Amino acid sequence: MKNWSRTVTITLLLFTAFGAFYGGFFFMMDPTGKLMHMSTYPLMTSPFLDYFYPGLILFCANGVLPLTAAIATWKKTTYSNYLIILQGLVLLGW
């Protein structure tokens, strides 16, 4: 991976990770969604009663995974490309 594309990739992964940490943390702290100025109305058709479990999934899947991929890309490991692809698939699913 070229130096500029590696820098852009790491920046985007960190942006995704910290945004997910922020949102997931506040959803787990206040599952009613009031801290994020959201109501539980959108959850009426989902299997969730409040925002705790979606916040936990957001924190882990879109927070921890891109941070791991960013660190792996920064260290130039052999599996960093697979982690980047996996994170893209997770974002598509989210």
Protein backbone atom coordinates (compact mmCIF):
# COMPACT_ATOMS: atom_id res chain seq x y z
CA MET A 1 0.00 0.00 0.00
CA LYS A 2 1.36 3.41 -0.93
CA ASN A 3 2.15 5.88 1.80
CA TRP A 4 -0.65 8.36 0.99
CA SER A 5 -3.32 5.67 0.64
CA ARG A 6 -2.14 4.08 3.89
CA THR A 7 -2.47 7.45 5.64
CA VAL A 8 -5.96 8.03 4.24
CA THR A 9 -7.01 4.50 5.20
CA ILE A 10 -5.77 4.86 8.77
CA THR A 11 -7.45 8.27 9.09
CA LEU A 12 -10.81 6.95 7.89
CA LEU A 13 -10.58 3.88 10.12
CA LEU A 14 -9.82 6.06 13.16
CA PHE A 15 -12.68 8.43 12.26
CA THR A 16 -15.08 5.47 12.10
CA ALA A 17 -13.74 3.96 15.32
CA PHE A 18 -13.97 7.10 17.42
CA GLY A 19 -17.43 7.94 16.10
CA ALA A 20 -18.61 4.45 17.00
CA PHE A 21 -16.97 4.66 20.44
CA TYR A 22 -18.77 7.94 21.07
CA GLY A 23 -22.19 6.75 19.92
CA GLY A 24 -21.92 3.28 21.43
CA PHE A 25 -20.72 4.61 24.79
CA PHE A 26 -23.58 7.09 25.13
CA PHE A 27 -26.17 4.53 24.03
CA MET A 28 -24.89 2.11 26.68
CA MET A 29 -24.78 4.84 29.34
CA ASP A 30 -28.36 5.92 28.64
CA PRO A 31 -30.27 3.17 26.81
CA THR A 32 -33.32 5.41 26.47
CA GLY A 33 -31.44 7.48 23.89
CA LYS A 34 -32.08 10.82 25.63
CA LEU A 35 -28.34 11.70 25.78
CA MET A 36 -28.18 11.33 22.00
CA HIS A 37 -31.53 13.15 21.54
CA MET A 38 -33.21 10.05 20.14
CA SER A 39 -36.44 8.33 21.04
CA THR A 40 -37.04 4.60 21.22
CA TYR A 41 -39.75 4.88 18.56
CA PRO A 42 -37.47 3.60 15.74
CA LEU A 43 -36.87 0.46 17.81
CA MET A 44 -40.54 -0.55 17.85
CA THR A 45 -40.13 -2.82 14.81
CA SER A 46 -36.78 -4.22 15.95
CA PRO A 47 -36.02 -6.96 18.47
CA PHE A 48 -34.50 -4.36 20.85
CA LEU A 49 -36.41 -2.62 23.62
CA ASP A 50 -33.80 0.07 24.21
CA TYR A 51 -30.45 1.22 22.80
CA PHE A 52 -28.12 -0.74 25.10
CA TYR A 53 -27.51 -3.73 22.82
CA PRO A 54 -27.36 -1.69 19.59
CA GLY A 55 -24.88 0.57 21.39
CA LEU A 56 -22.82 -2.44 22.46
CA ILE A 57 -22.79 -3.80 18.92
CA LEU A 58 -21.87 -0.35 17.58
CA PHE A 59 -19.07 -0.03 20.13
CA CYS A 60 -17.59 -3.45 19.39
CA ALA A 61 -18.23 -3.97 15.68
CA ASN A 62 -17.69 -0.42 14.44
CA GLY A 63 -15.37 0.77 17.20
CA VAL A 64 -12.98 -2.01 18.15
CA LEU A 65 -12.69 -3.58 14.69
CA PRO A 66 -11.65 -0.43 12.79
CA LEU A 67 -9.25 0.51 15.58
CA THR A 68 -7.67 -2.94 15.27
CA ALA A 69 -7.52 -2.55 11.49
CA ALA A 70 -5.93 0.90 11.82
CA ILE A 71 -3.27 -0.42 14.18
CA ALA A 72 -2.60 -3.40 11.91
CA THR A 73 -2.31 -1.08 8.89
CA TRP A 74 0.00 1.27 10.78
CA LYS A 75 2.24 -1.67 11.75
CA LYS A 76 2.10 -3.00 8.16
CA THR A 77 1.00 -6.50 9.17
CA THR A 78 0.20 -9.13 6.58
CA TYR A 79 -3.47 -9.40 7.56
CA SER A 80 -4.28 -5.67 7.61
CA ASN A 81 -5.92 -5.79 4.16
CA TYR A 82 -8.28 -8.53 5.37
CA LEU A 83 -9.25 -6.46 8.41
CA ILE A 84 -9.97 -3.46 6.18
CA ILE A 85 -12.21 -5.57 3.95
CA LEU A 86 -13.93 -7.06 6.99
CA GLN A 87 -14.58 -3.59 8.38
CA GLY A 88 -16.08 -2.52 5.06
CA LEU A 89 -18.41 -5.51 5.13
CA VAL A 90 -19.39 -4.74 8.73
CA LEU A 91 -20.20 -1.15 7.73
CA LEU A 92 -22.31 -2.42 4.83
CA GLY A 93 -24.23 -4.64 7.24
CA TRP A 94 -24.64 -1.91 9.81
